[in-house]
Protein backbone atom coordinates (compact mmCIF):
# COMPACT_ATOMS: atom_id res chain seq x y z
CA MET A 1 0.00 0.02 0.01
CA SER A 2 1.14 3.49 -0.64
CA ASP A 3 2.19 6.22 1.87
CA PRO A 4 -0.92 7.89 3.31
CA SER A 5 0.52 11.34 2.89
CA THR A 6 0.87 10.82 -0.84
CA THR A 7 -1.94 12.48 -2.80
CA ALA A 8 -3.92 10.60 -5.42
CA ALA A 9 -2.42 12.75 -8.19
CA GLU A 10 1.11 11.96 -6.91
CA ARG A 11 0.39 8.27 -6.93
CA ILE A 12 -1.08 8.44 -10.47
CA ARG A 13 1.83 10.53 -11.71
CA ALA A 14 4.37 8.06 -10.32
CA LEU A 15 2.60 5.05 -11.74
CA ALA A 16 2.02 6.73 -15.11
CA PHE A 17 5.73 7.50 -15.35
CA GLU A 18 6.59 3.89 -14.51
CA LEU A 19 4.24 2.56 -17.14
CA TRP A 20 5.56 5.03 -19.70
CA ASP A 21 9.13 4.14 -18.87
CA GLU A 22 8.45 0.44 -19.16
CA ALA A 23 6.83 0.99 -22.51
CA GLY A 24 10.06 2.50 -23.90
CA GLN A 25 9.18 6.16 -23.30
CA PRO A 26 7.00 6.79 -26.36
CA GLU A 27 6.47 10.41 -27.23
CA GLY A 28 2.87 11.85 -27.37
CA HIS A 29 1.10 9.36 -25.24
CA SER A 30 1.09 10.95 -21.80
CA GLU A 31 -2.77 10.91 -21.42
CA ARG A 32 -2.84 7.22 -22.35
CA PHE A 33 -0.46 6.37 -19.47
CA TRP A 34 -2.20 8.82 -17.04
CA PHE A 35 -5.58 7.15 -17.65
CA LYS A 36 -4.13 3.70 -17.48
CA ALA A 37 -2.50 4.52 -14.12
CA GLU A 38 -5.83 5.99 -12.84
CA ARG A 39 -7.65 2.76 -13.81
CA GLN A 40 -5.08 0.54 -12.27
CA ILE A 41 -5.01 2.43 -8.93
CA LYS A 42 -8.84 2.56 -8.82
CA ALA A 43 -8.93 -1.25 -9.43
CA GLU A 44 -6.40 -1.82 -6.62
CA GLU A 45 -8.38 0.38 -4.19
CA GLU A 46 -11.64 -1.33 -5.08
CA GLY A 47 -9.85 -4.66 -4.43
CA TYR A 48 -8.86 -3.48 -0.94
CA ASP A 49 -12.50 -2.41 -0.27
CA ASP A 50 -13.75 -5.81 -1.37
CA ALA A 51 -11.16 -7.72 0.76
CA LEU A 52 -12.04 -5.70 3.88
CA ALA A 53 -15.81 -5.60 3.43
CA ASP A 54 -16.52 -8.36 5.99
CA THR A 55 -13.96 -7.38 8.59
CA PHE A 56 -14.20 -5.17 11.62
CA PRO A 57 -11.55 -3.13 13.43
CA ALA A 58 -9.51 -5.25 15.82
CA SER A 59 -9.96 -2.63 18.46
CA ASP A 60 -13.73 -3.38 18.56
CA PRO A 61 -14.52 -6.27 20.93
CA PRO A 62 -17.04 -8.91 19.75
CA ALA A 63 -20.63 -8.07 20.67
CA ASN A 64 -20.94 -11.15 23.04
CA SER A 65 -17.49 -11.09 24.62
CA GLY A 66 -18.82 -12.14 28.04
CA ILE A 67 -17.09 -9.21 29.62
CA THR A 68 -19.41 -7.07 31.78
């Protein structure tokens, strides 16, 4: 997971640059790599949401803990 202090735009920019670099640094395709990075980050975030949907914070005790 990324650094929480990193903004969404910074994450997208870094990934877009990485994708562009891996593709051989083609000229004139900056928007293509930006949108691809946006889609990839959104898909990752949605995956985290799905994975955590049925969990609860560890700090919350179970409803029937037996502790009074």
